[in-house]
Every structure is written in structure tokens, then in C-alpha cells.
Amino acid sequence: MIKIIGACLTVAACSNIGLTWARVFEKRPQQLTALEGALQLLETEIIYAATPMSEAMKQVAAGCDSAVAGLFRYTEAELRKMEGVTAGEAWNRAVEKFFPETALNGQDLQTLKRFGASLGTSDREDQAKHLELVKSQLKLAAAQAESVSRKSATVYRYLGFLGGLLLVLVLY
């Protein structure tokens, strides 16, 4: 009886590990899509409402998905410190601080940093072009991540369960 309970717990634990890894793969496309939506809000604030950058970041943080709101809160906090940093420098500092909390990869980090280099350095029309560019890059990355996610998440789910069964067979 104890062996059966132990076997069930082993399979359940391994399955849980597989499900956890699958969730990591599922988070990236969601976060990329959320970032794209947040940048749409930023575009609205900058281009159409002509909101100052720190206030725009605050508005976006309040209106976007909680998974990416931290990036805009960090940027707003950096801008409000009044240390003489540009909007791009504040953005890049925020990206560095925000990045470890996400499921994003190095390519996503580089996309966000490239966007930061142009943030706040030109007129509204040019900002709109840069925002459109980064949104299209994020949309493409999200589509690719979704494809990888579907495959990898399924593999990790099965791998966790089957690994648990294999472990039970080997141990018992």
C-alpha cells in the first residue's frame, strides 16, 4: 500500500514539474502580447494626448496588463528621480530591472533596448514610427513564441508524466 502511495506521489510530483516548465513556455507569448498592447497605450499617450513622458508611463502602467506594468512603473520612477536621465536611459534601466522577472529571452531584451535608444529623442511623428516598429517586432516574436510554446509545452507536460512513470518503474 505504501509503495502505491509513493508511486502515485512520485508521478504526481514529476507531472507537476513538467507542468511548471510548460507554463514557463506559455508565459513568453502572453507577455509579448501584453507588451505590444502596452506600447499601443504608450503611443496613444505620446502621439494623441501629448502627455509628458513620466505621466505617460504612469498612465500606461495603470492601464496595461499587470505582467508588464512593472516595466512602465520602473521607467516612471526613474524619470521622477530627477537625476538628469533621458527617457531612453530611464527606459533601459527599467528594462534591466524588469527583465529578470519575465519569461522574455535575450532577443526580446535587445528589441526593448533598441526601442529605448530612440525613446524621447525625436518629435511625435518619429516616435510613432519607432513605436510601430517595435510593436511589429514584438508581434512577430509573439507569433514565433506561440509556435514554440505549443510544441514545447506539450513535450514538457508529457515528459514530466512519463519521467515520473519511468522513475516509478526503476525504483519499484
N, C-alpha and C. Protein backbone atom coordinates (compact mmCIF):
# COMPACT_ATOMS: atom_id res chain seq x y z
N MET A 1 0.82 -1.20 0.00
CA MET A 1 0.00 0.00 0.00
C MET A 1 0.86 1.26 0.00
N ILE A 2 1.92 1.23 0.82
CA ILE A 2 2.81 2.39 0.89
C ILE A 2 3.53 2.59 -0.44
N LYS A 3 3.87 1.48 -1.11
CA LYS A 3 4.53 1.59 -2.41
C LYS A 3 3.61 2.26 -3.44
N ILE A 4 2.34 1.93 -3.41
CA ILE A 4 1.38 2.52 -4.35
C ILE A 4 1.24 4.02 -4.09
N ILE A 5 1.15 4.39 -2.82
CA ILE A 5 1.06 5.82 -2.47
C ILE A 5 2.33 6.54 -2.89
N GLY A 6 3.48 5.93 -2.63
CA GLY A 6 4.76 6.52 -3.03
C GLY A 6 4.86 6.67 -4.54
N ALA A 7 4.39 5.65 -5.27
CA ALA A 7 4.43 5.70 -6.73
C ALA A 7 3.53 6.81 -7.25
N CYS A 8 2.35 6.93 -6.66
CA CYS A 8 1.43 7.99 -7.08
C CYS A 8 2.01 9.37 -6.79
N LEU A 9 2.61 9.53 -5.62
CA LEU A 9 3.22 10.81 -5.27
C LEU A 9 4.39 11.14 -6.19
N THR A 10 5.18 10.15 -6.56
CA THR A 10 6.30 10.36 -7.47
C THR A 10 5.81 10.80 -8.84
N VAL A 11 4.81 10.13 -9.37
CA VAL A 11 4.25 10.51 -10.67
C VAL A 11 3.63 11.90 -10.60
N ALA A 12 2.93 12.17 -9.51
CA ALA A 12 2.31 13.49 -9.36
C ALA A 12 3.36 14.59 -9.28
N ALA A 13 4.44 14.35 -8.54
CA ALA A 13 5.49 15.35 -8.41
C ALA A 13 6.19 15.60 -9.74
N CYS A 14 6.50 14.55 -10.45
CA CYS A 14 7.16 14.71 -11.76
C CYS A 14 6.22 15.39 -12.76
N SER A 15 4.95 15.04 -12.71
CA SER A 15 3.97 15.69 -13.59
C SER A 15 3.88 17.18 -13.28
N ASN A 16 3.92 17.52 -12.01
CA ASN A 16 3.87 18.91 -11.59
C ASN A 16 5.09 19.68 -12.10
N ILE A 17 6.26 19.06 -12.06
CA ILE A 17 7.47 19.69 -12.59
C ILE A 17 7.31 19.94 -14.09
N GLY A 18 6.78 18.95 -14.81
CA GLY A 18 6.53 19.12 -16.25
C GLY A 18 5.55 20.24 -16.54
N LEU A 19 4.49 20.32 -15.73
CA LEU A 19 3.51 21.40 -15.91
C LEU A 19 4.11 22.76 -15.63
N THR A 20 4.99 22.83 -14.64
CA THR A 20 5.65 24.10 -14.31
C THR A 20 6.52 24.57 -15.46
N TRP A 21 7.29 23.67 -16.05
CA TRP A 21 8.12 24.04 -17.19
C TRP A 21 7.26 24.42 -18.39
N ALA A 22 6.14 23.76 -18.57
CA ALA A 22 5.24 24.09 -19.67
C ALA A 22 4.70 25.52 -19.51
N ARG A 23 4.38 25.90 -18.26
CA ARG A 23 3.88 27.25 -18.01
C ARG A 23 4.90 28.32 -18.35
N VAL A 24 6.17 28.02 -18.14
CA VAL A 24 7.23 28.97 -18.49
C VAL A 24 7.19 29.25 -19.99
N PHE A 25 7.03 28.22 -20.80
CA PHE A 25 6.97 28.40 -22.24
C PHE A 25 5.69 29.13 -22.67
N GLU A 26 4.63 28.98 -21.91
CA GLU A 26 3.37 29.63 -22.25
C GLU A 26 3.36 31.11 -21.86
N LYS A 27 4.20 31.51 -20.91
CA LYS A 27 4.21 32.89 -20.44
C LYS A 27 4.80 33.86 -21.46
N ARG A 28 5.83 33.45 -22.19
CA ARG A 28 6.51 34.37 -23.09
C ARG A 28 5.57 34.97 -24.14
N PRO A 29 4.79 34.16 -24.89
CA PRO A 29 3.90 34.79 -25.87
C PRO A 29 2.87 35.72 -25.22
N GLN A 30 2.42 35.35 -24.02
CA GLN A 30 1.46 36.21 -23.33
C GLN A 30 2.09 37.54 -22.95
N GLN A 31 3.32 37.49 -22.47
CA GLN A 31 4.00 38.72 -22.07
C GLN A 31 4.35 39.59 -23.28
N LEU A 32 4.71 38.97 -24.38
CA LEU A 32 5.00 39.74 -25.60
C LEU A 32 3.74 40.44 -26.11
N THR A 33 2.63 39.74 -26.07
CA THR A 33 1.36 40.34 -26.50
C THR A 33 0.96 41.47 -25.56
N ALA A 34 1.17 41.27 -24.26
CA ALA A 34 0.87 42.31 -23.28
C ALA A 34 1.76 43.54 -23.49
N LEU A 35 3.03 43.31 -23.82
CA LEU A 35 3.95 44.42 -24.10
C LEU A 35 3.49 45.19 -25.34
N GLU A 36 3.07 44.46 -26.34
CA GLU A 36 2.58 45.11 -27.56
C GLU A 36 1.38 46.00 -27.25
N GLY A 37 0.46 45.50 -26.45
CA GLY A 37 -0.71 46.30 -26.06
C GLY A 37 -0.32 47.51 -25.22
N ALA A 38 0.65 47.34 -24.33
CA ALA A 38 1.10 48.45 -23.50
C ALA A 38 1.77 49.52 -24.35
N LEU A 39 2.53 49.11 -25.36
CA LEU A 39 3.16 50.09 -26.25
C LEU A 39 2.12 50.81 -27.09
N GLN A 40 1.01 50.14 -27.38
CA GLN A 40 -0.09 50.82 -28.08
C GLN A 40 -0.66 51.92 -27.19
N LEU A 41 -0.80 51.62 -25.90
CA LEU A 41 -1.26 52.64 -24.96
C LEU A 41 -0.26 53.79 -24.86
N LEU A 42 1.03 53.46 -24.85
CA LEU A 42 2.07 54.50 -24.80
C LEU A 42 2.01 55.37 -26.05
N GLU A 43 1.78 54.75 -27.17
CA GLU A 43 1.66 55.52 -28.42
C GLU A 43 0.49 56.49 -28.33
N THR A 44 -0.61 56.03 -27.81
CA THR A 44 -1.79 56.90 -27.65
C THR A 44 -1.47 58.08 -26.74
N GLU A 45 -0.78 57.80 -25.63
CA GLU A 45 -0.44 58.87 -24.68
C GLU A 45 0.52 59.88 -25.29
N ILE A 46 1.52 59.39 -26.01
CA ILE A 46 2.54 60.29 -26.56
C ILE A 46 2.03 61.04 -27.79
N ILE A 47 1.46 60.31 -28.72
CA ILE A 47 1.11 60.90 -30.01
C ILE A 47 -0.19 61.70 -29.96
N TYR A 48 -1.21 61.12 -29.40
CA TYR A 48 -2.53 61.75 -29.48
C TYR A 48 -2.84 62.64 -28.28
N ALA A 49 -2.40 62.24 -27.09
CA ALA A 49 -2.71 63.04 -25.91
C ALA A 49 -1.59 64.02 -25.57
N ALA A 50 -0.42 63.86 -26.20
CA ALA A 50 0.74 64.72 -25.96
C ALA A 50 1.07 64.80 -24.46
N THR A 51 0.99 63.66 -23.80
CA THR A 51 1.26 63.57 -22.36
C THR A 51 2.77 63.57 -22.13
N PRO A 52 3.24 64.29 -21.12
CA PRO A 52 4.68 64.22 -20.79
C PRO A 52 5.08 62.77 -20.49
N MET A 53 6.34 62.45 -20.75
CA MET A 53 6.80 61.06 -20.72
C MET A 53 6.55 60.38 -19.37
N SER A 54 6.90 61.03 -18.26
CA SER A 54 6.71 60.36 -16.97
C SER A 54 5.24 60.11 -16.68
N GLU A 55 4.40 61.06 -17.03
CA GLU A 55 2.96 60.88 -16.83
C GLU A 55 2.41 59.80 -17.78
N ALA A 56 2.94 59.75 -19.00
CA ALA A 56 2.52 58.72 -19.96
C ALA A 56 2.86 57.33 -19.43
N MET A 57 4.05 57.21 -18.86
CA MET A 57 4.46 55.91 -18.30
C MET A 57 3.53 55.51 -17.15
N LYS A 58 3.17 56.47 -16.34
CA LYS A 58 2.26 56.20 -15.22
C LYS A 58 0.89 55.75 -15.73
N GLN A 59 0.38 56.42 -16.76
CA GLN A 59 -0.91 56.06 -17.33
C GLN A 59 -0.89 54.66 -17.95
N VAL A 60 0.20 54.36 -18.64
CA VAL A 60 0.32 53.04 -19.27
C VAL A 60 0.39 51.95 -18.21
N ALA A 61 1.18 52.19 -17.15
CA ALA A 61 1.30 51.20 -16.06
C ALA A 61 -0.06 50.93 -15.43
N ALA A 62 -0.87 51.97 -15.32
CA ALA A 62 -2.20 51.80 -14.72
C ALA A 62 -3.17 51.08 -15.66
N GLY A 63 -2.96 51.21 -16.97
CA GLY A 63 -3.93 50.67 -17.91
C GLY A 63 -3.55 49.38 -18.60
N CYS A 64 -2.32 48.89 -18.39
CA CYS A 64 -1.90 47.70 -19.13
C CYS A 64 -1.96 46.45 -18.25
N ASP A 65 -1.66 45.34 -18.86
CA ASP A 65 -1.64 44.04 -18.19
C ASP A 65 -0.63 44.08 -17.04
N SER A 66 -0.98 43.47 -15.94
CA SER A 66 -0.11 43.50 -14.76
C SER A 66 1.22 42.80 -15.00
N ALA A 67 1.28 41.90 -15.99
CA ALA A 67 2.53 41.19 -16.28
C ALA A 67 3.63 42.12 -16.78
N VAL A 68 3.25 43.23 -17.40
CA VAL A 68 4.25 44.16 -17.95
C VAL A 68 4.17 45.55 -17.33
N ALA A 69 3.24 45.76 -16.43
CA ALA A 69 3.07 47.09 -15.83
C ALA A 69 4.32 47.52 -15.07
N GLY A 70 5.07 46.56 -14.53
CA GLY A 70 6.27 46.88 -13.79
C GLY A 70 7.29 47.64 -14.61
N LEU A 71 7.42 47.30 -15.89
CA LEU A 71 8.37 47.99 -16.76
C LEU A 71 8.05 49.47 -16.84
N PHE A 72 6.79 49.80 -16.96
CA PHE A 72 6.39 51.20 -17.09
C PHE A 72 6.44 51.92 -15.73
N ARG A 73 6.16 51.19 -14.65
CA ARG A 73 6.31 51.78 -13.31
C ARG A 73 7.77 52.09 -13.02
N TYR A 74 8.66 51.16 -13.36
CA TYR A 74 10.10 51.39 -13.15
C TYR A 74 10.57 52.59 -13.96
N THR A 75 10.13 52.68 -15.21
CA THR A 75 10.54 53.80 -16.06
C THR A 75 10.03 55.12 -15.48
N GLU A 76 8.79 55.12 -15.05
CA GLU A 76 8.22 56.34 -14.46
C GLU A 76 8.99 56.74 -13.21
N ALA A 77 9.35 55.76 -12.39
CA ALA A 77 10.11 56.04 -11.17
C ALA A 77 11.48 56.62 -11.50
N GLU A 78 12.14 56.07 -12.53
CA GLU A 78 13.44 56.59 -12.94
C GLU A 78 13.33 58.03 -13.44
N LEU A 79 12.27 58.32 -14.18
CA LEU A 79 12.08 59.68 -14.69
C LEU A 79 11.76 60.66 -13.57
N ARG A 80 11.05 60.21 -12.57
CA ARG A 80 10.66 61.09 -11.46
C ARG A 80 11.80 61.36 -10.48
N LYS A 81 12.87 60.57 -10.54
CA LYS A 81 14.00 60.79 -9.64
C LYS A 81 14.69 62.13 -9.90
N MET A 82 14.51 62.65 -11.10
CA MET A 82 15.10 63.93 -11.49
C MET A 82 16.63 63.89 -11.39
N GLU A 83 17.22 62.82 -11.88
CA GLU A 83 18.68 62.69 -11.87
C GLU A 83 19.29 63.14 -13.19
N GLY A 84 18.50 63.74 -14.05
CA GLY A 84 19.02 64.19 -15.33
C GLY A 84 19.13 63.10 -16.37
N VAL A 85 18.42 62.00 -16.19
CA VAL A 85 18.46 60.92 -17.18
C VAL A 85 17.44 61.21 -18.28
N THR A 86 17.77 60.76 -19.46
CA THR A 86 16.82 60.90 -20.57
C THR A 86 15.77 59.80 -20.46
N ALA A 87 14.73 59.93 -21.26
CA ALA A 87 13.68 58.92 -21.27
C ALA A 87 14.24 57.57 -21.71
N GLY A 88 15.15 57.59 -22.67
CA GLY A 88 15.77 56.35 -23.15
C GLY A 88 16.61 55.68 -22.07
N GLU A 89 17.37 56.47 -21.32
CA GLU A 89 18.19 55.90 -20.24
C GLU A 89 17.29 55.33 -19.14
N ALA A 90 16.23 56.06 -18.81
CA ALA A 90 15.29 55.57 -17.80
C ALA A 90 14.65 54.27 -18.27
N TRP A 91 14.27 54.21 -19.55
CA TRP A 91 13.67 53.01 -20.12
C TRP A 91 14.64 51.82 -20.03
N ASN A 92 15.90 52.05 -20.42
CA ASN A 92 16.88 50.96 -20.39
C ASN A 92 17.18 50.49 -18.98
N ARG A 93 17.23 51.40 -18.02
CA ARG A 93 17.40 50.99 -16.62
C ARG A 93 16.22 50.14 -16.17
N ALA A 94 15.03 50.57 -16.56
CA ALA A 94 13.82 49.84 -16.19
C ALA A 94 13.79 48.46 -16.85
N VAL A 95 14.22 48.39 -18.10
CA VAL A 95 14.26 47.10 -18.80
C VAL A 95 15.21 46.15 -18.08
N GLU A 96 16.38 46.66 -17.68
CA GLU A 96 17.35 45.83 -16.95
C GLU A 96 16.78 45.32 -15.63
N LYS A 97 16.02 46.16 -14.95
CA LYS A 97 15.44 45.78 -13.67
C LYS A 97 14.25 44.83 -13.86
N PHE A 98 13.47 45.07 -14.90
CA PHE A 98 12.24 44.31 -15.15
C PHE A 98 12.52 42.95 -15.78
N PHE A 99 13.53 42.87 -16.62
CA PHE A 99 13.79 41.69 -17.43
C PHE A 99 13.90 40.39 -16.64
N PRO A 100 14.63 40.34 -15.51
CA PRO A 100 14.74 39.07 -14.78
C PRO A 100 13.41 38.54 -14.25
N GLU A 101 12.41 39.37 -14.13
CA GLU A 101 11.10 38.96 -13.62
C GLU A 101 10.21 38.34 -14.69
N THR A 102 10.70 38.27 -15.92
CA THR A 102 9.85 37.85 -17.03
C THR A 102 10.30 36.53 -17.63
N ALA A 103 9.53 36.06 -18.59
CA ALA A 103 9.88 34.87 -19.36
C ALA A 103 10.47 35.26 -20.72
N LEU A 104 10.81 36.53 -20.89
CA LEU A 104 11.34 37.02 -22.16
C LEU A 104 12.77 36.52 -22.36
N ASN A 105 13.19 36.45 -23.63
CA ASN A 105 14.55 35.98 -23.92
C ASN A 105 15.46 37.15 -24.30
N GLY A 106 16.70 36.85 -24.63
CA GLY A 106 17.69 37.87 -24.95
C GLY A 106 17.33 38.70 -26.17
N GLN A 107 16.70 38.08 -27.16
CA GLN A 107 16.29 38.81 -28.36
C GLN A 107 15.23 39.86 -28.00
N ASP A 108 14.32 39.50 -27.12
CA ASP A 108 13.29 40.44 -26.67
C ASP A 108 13.94 41.61 -25.92
N LEU A 109 14.94 41.28 -25.11
CA LEU A 109 15.67 42.31 -24.37
C LEU A 109 16.32 43.30 -25.34
N GLN A 110 16.96 42.79 -26.37
CA GLN A 110 17.60 43.67 -27.35
C GLN A 110 16.59 44.53 -28.09
N THR A 111 15.44 43.98 -28.41
CA THR A 111 14.38 44.76 -29.06
C THR A 111 13.94 45.91 -28.17
N LEU A 112 13.74 45.63 -26.89
CA LEU A 112 13.31 46.68 -25.95
C LEU A 112 14.40 47.73 -25.75
N LYS A 113 15.65 47.31 -25.72
CA LYS A 113 16.75 48.27 -25.56
C LYS A 113 16.91 49.15 -26.80
N ARG A 114 16.76 48.57 -27.97
CA ARG A 114 16.84 49.37 -29.20
C ARG A 114 15.73 50.42 -29.22
N PHE A 115 14.56 50.04 -28.75
CA PHE A 115 13.46 51.00 -28.67
C PHE A 115 13.81 52.11 -27.69
N GLY A 116 14.43 51.75 -26.58
CA GLY A 116 14.81 52.75 -25.57
C GLY A 116 15.77 53.78 -26.11
N ALA A 117 16.62 53.38 -27.05
CA ALA A 117 17.59 54.32 -27.62
C ALA A 117 16.90 55.45 -28.36
N SER A 118 15.71 55.21 -28.88
CA SER A 118 15.01 56.25 -29.63
C SER A 118 13.89 56.93 -28.83
N LEU A 119 13.64 56.45 -27.64
CA LEU A 119 12.53 56.97 -26.85
C LEU A 119 12.83 58.39 -26.36
N GLY A 120 11.94 59.30 -26.70
CA GLY A 120 12.05 60.68 -26.21
C GLY A 120 13.10 61.52 -26.91
N THR A 121 13.67 61.05 -28.02
CA THR A 121 14.73 61.81 -28.68
C THR A 121 14.27 62.52 -29.94
N SER A 122 13.00 62.39 -30.28
CA SER A 122 12.53 63.00 -31.52
C SER A 122 11.09 63.48 -31.36
N ASP A 123 10.55 64.00 -32.45
CA ASP A 123 9.18 64.53 -32.39
C ASP A 123 8.16 63.39 -32.35
N ARG A 124 6.89 63.77 -32.21
CA ARG A 124 5.84 62.77 -32.03
C ARG A 124 5.69 61.85 -33.23
N GLU A 125 5.82 62.38 -34.43
CA GLU A 125 5.66 61.54 -35.63
C GLU A 125 6.76 60.49 -35.71
N ASP A 126 7.98 60.90 -35.38
CA ASP A 126 9.09 59.96 -35.40
C ASP A 126 8.92 58.92 -34.28
N GLN A 127 8.42 59.34 -33.13
CA GLN A 127 8.15 58.40 -32.05
C GLN A 127 7.11 57.38 -32.48
N ALA A 128 6.12 57.83 -33.25
CA ALA A 128 5.10 56.91 -33.74
C ALA A 128 5.72 55.84 -34.63
N LYS A 129 6.67 56.23 -35.46
CA LYS A 129 7.34 55.27 -36.34
C LYS A 129 8.13 54.24 -35.52
N HIS A 130 8.85 54.73 -34.52
CA HIS A 130 9.61 53.81 -33.67
C HIS A 130 8.69 52.87 -32.89
N LEU A 131 7.58 53.41 -32.41
CA LEU A 131 6.62 52.57 -31.69
C LEU A 131 6.02 51.50 -32.60
N GLU A 132 5.70 51.88 -33.83
CA GLU A 132 5.16 50.91 -34.79
C GLU A 132 6.18 49.82 -35.08
N LEU A 133 7.44 50.22 -35.22
CA LEU A 133 8.49 49.25 -35.49
C LEU A 133 8.62 48.24 -34.36
N VAL A 134 8.71 48.72 -33.14
CA VAL A 134 8.88 47.81 -32.01
C VAL A 134 7.63 46.95 -31.81
N LYS A 135 6.46 47.51 -32.06
CA LYS A 135 5.24 46.70 -31.94
C LYS A 135 5.22 45.58 -32.98
N SER A 136 5.66 45.88 -34.20
CA SER A 136 5.68 44.84 -35.23
C SER A 136 6.72 43.77 -34.89
N GLN A 137 7.86 44.18 -34.32
CA GLN A 137 8.87 43.21 -33.90
C GLN A 137 8.33 42.31 -32.78
N LEU A 138 7.63 42.92 -31.83
CA LEU A 138 7.06 42.14 -30.73
C LEU A 138 5.95 41.20 -31.23
N LYS A 139 5.17 41.66 -32.20
CA LYS A 139 4.11 40.81 -32.76
C LYS A 139 4.72 39.59 -33.45
N LEU A 140 5.78 39.80 -34.20
CA LEU A 140 6.46 38.70 -34.87
C LEU A 140 7.06 37.74 -33.84
N ALA A 141 7.71 38.29 -32.82
CA ALA A 141 8.29 37.45 -31.76
C ALA A 141 7.21 36.67 -31.03
N ALA A 142 6.06 37.30 -30.81
CA ALA A 142 4.95 36.61 -30.12
C ALA A 142 4.43 35.45 -30.96
N ALA A 143 4.33 35.65 -32.27
CA ALA A 143 3.86 34.57 -33.15
C ALA A 143 4.84 33.40 -33.13
N GLN A 144 6.14 33.71 -33.19
CA GLN A 144 7.14 32.65 -33.15
C GLN A 144 7.13 31.96 -31.78
N ALA A 145 7.00 32.74 -30.73
CA ALA A 145 6.98 32.18 -29.37
C ALA A 145 5.74 31.30 -29.17
N GLU A 146 4.64 31.68 -29.76
CA GLU A 146 3.41 30.88 -29.65
C GLU A 146 3.61 29.52 -30.30
N SER A 147 4.25 29.51 -31.45
CA SER A 147 4.53 28.25 -32.14
C SER A 147 5.44 27.36 -31.31
N VAL A 148 6.51 27.94 -30.78
CA VAL A 148 7.43 27.18 -29.94
C VAL A 148 6.73 26.73 -28.66
N SER A 149 5.90 27.59 -28.12
CA SER A 149 5.20 27.28 -26.87
C SER A 149 4.29 26.07 -27.03
N ARG A 150 3.53 26.04 -28.12
CA ARG A 150 2.63 24.92 -28.32
C ARG A 150 3.38 23.59 -28.34
N LYS A 151 4.49 23.58 -29.05
CA LYS A 151 5.28 22.34 -29.16
C LYS A 151 5.96 22.01 -27.83
N SER A 152 6.67 22.96 -27.29
CA SER A 152 7.48 22.70 -26.10
C SER A 152 6.63 22.43 -24.86
N ALA A 153 5.55 23.16 -24.71
CA ALA A 153 4.70 22.95 -23.53
C ALA A 153 4.14 21.53 -23.53
N THR A 154 3.71 21.06 -24.67
CA THR A 154 3.18 19.69 -24.77
C THR A 154 4.27 18.67 -24.44
N VAL A 155 5.46 18.89 -24.97
CA VAL A 155 6.57 17.98 -24.71
C VAL A 155 6.87 17.92 -23.21
N TYR A 156 6.94 19.08 -22.56
CA TYR A 156 7.28 19.10 -21.14
C TYR A 156 6.18 18.47 -20.28
N ARG A 157 4.92 18.66 -20.67
CA ARG A 157 3.84 18.01 -19.92
C ARG A 157 3.98 16.49 -19.97
N TYR A 158 4.15 15.97 -21.19
CA TYR A 158 4.30 14.52 -21.35
C TYR A 158 5.60 14.03 -20.71
N LEU A 159 6.66 14.80 -20.86
CA LEU A 159 7.95 14.40 -20.30
C LEU A 159 7.87 14.29 -18.78
N GLY A 160 7.18 15.22 -18.15
CA GLY A 160 7.03 15.15 -16.69
C GLY A 160 6.29 13.89 -16.26
N PHE A 161 5.16 13.65 -16.91
CA PHE A 161 4.36 12.47 -16.55
C PHE A 161 5.11 11.17 -16.85
N LEU A 162 5.65 11.07 -18.06
CA LEU A 162 6.35 9.84 -18.44
C LEU A 162 7.64 9.66 -17.65
N GLY A 163 8.31 10.76 -17.32
CA GLY A 163 9.50 10.67 -16.47
C GLY A 163 9.14 10.13 -15.09
N GLY A 164 8.01 10.57 -14.57
CA GLY A 164 7.54 10.05 -13.29
C GLY A 164 7.24 8.57 -13.36
N LEU A 165 6.59 8.15 -14.44
CA LEU A 165 6.32 6.71 -14.61
C LEU A 165 7.61 5.92 -14.72
N LEU A 166 8.57 6.43 -15.46
CA LEU A 166 9.86 5.75 -15.60
C LEU A 166 10.56 5.65 -14.24
N LEU A 167 10.52 6.72 -13.49
CA LEU A 167 11.16 6.72 -12.16
C LEU A 167 10.50 5.66 -11.26
N VAL A 168 9.18 5.58 -11.33
CA VAL A 168 8.46 4.57 -10.53
C VAL A 168 8.87 3.17 -10.95
N LEU A 169 8.96 2.95 -12.26
CA LEU A 169 9.37 1.62 -12.75
C LEU A 169 10.78 1.26 -12.32
N VAL A 170 11.68 2.23 -12.34
CA VAL A 170 13.07 1.97 -11.97
C VAL A 170 13.19 1.73 -10.46
N LEU A 171 12.49 2.55 -9.68
CA LEU A 171 12.62 2.45 -8.22
C LEU A 171 11.85 1.29 -7.61
N TYR A 172 10.75 0.92 -8.21
CA TYR A 172 9.91 -0.12 -7.58
C TYR A 172 10.01 -1.35 -8.39
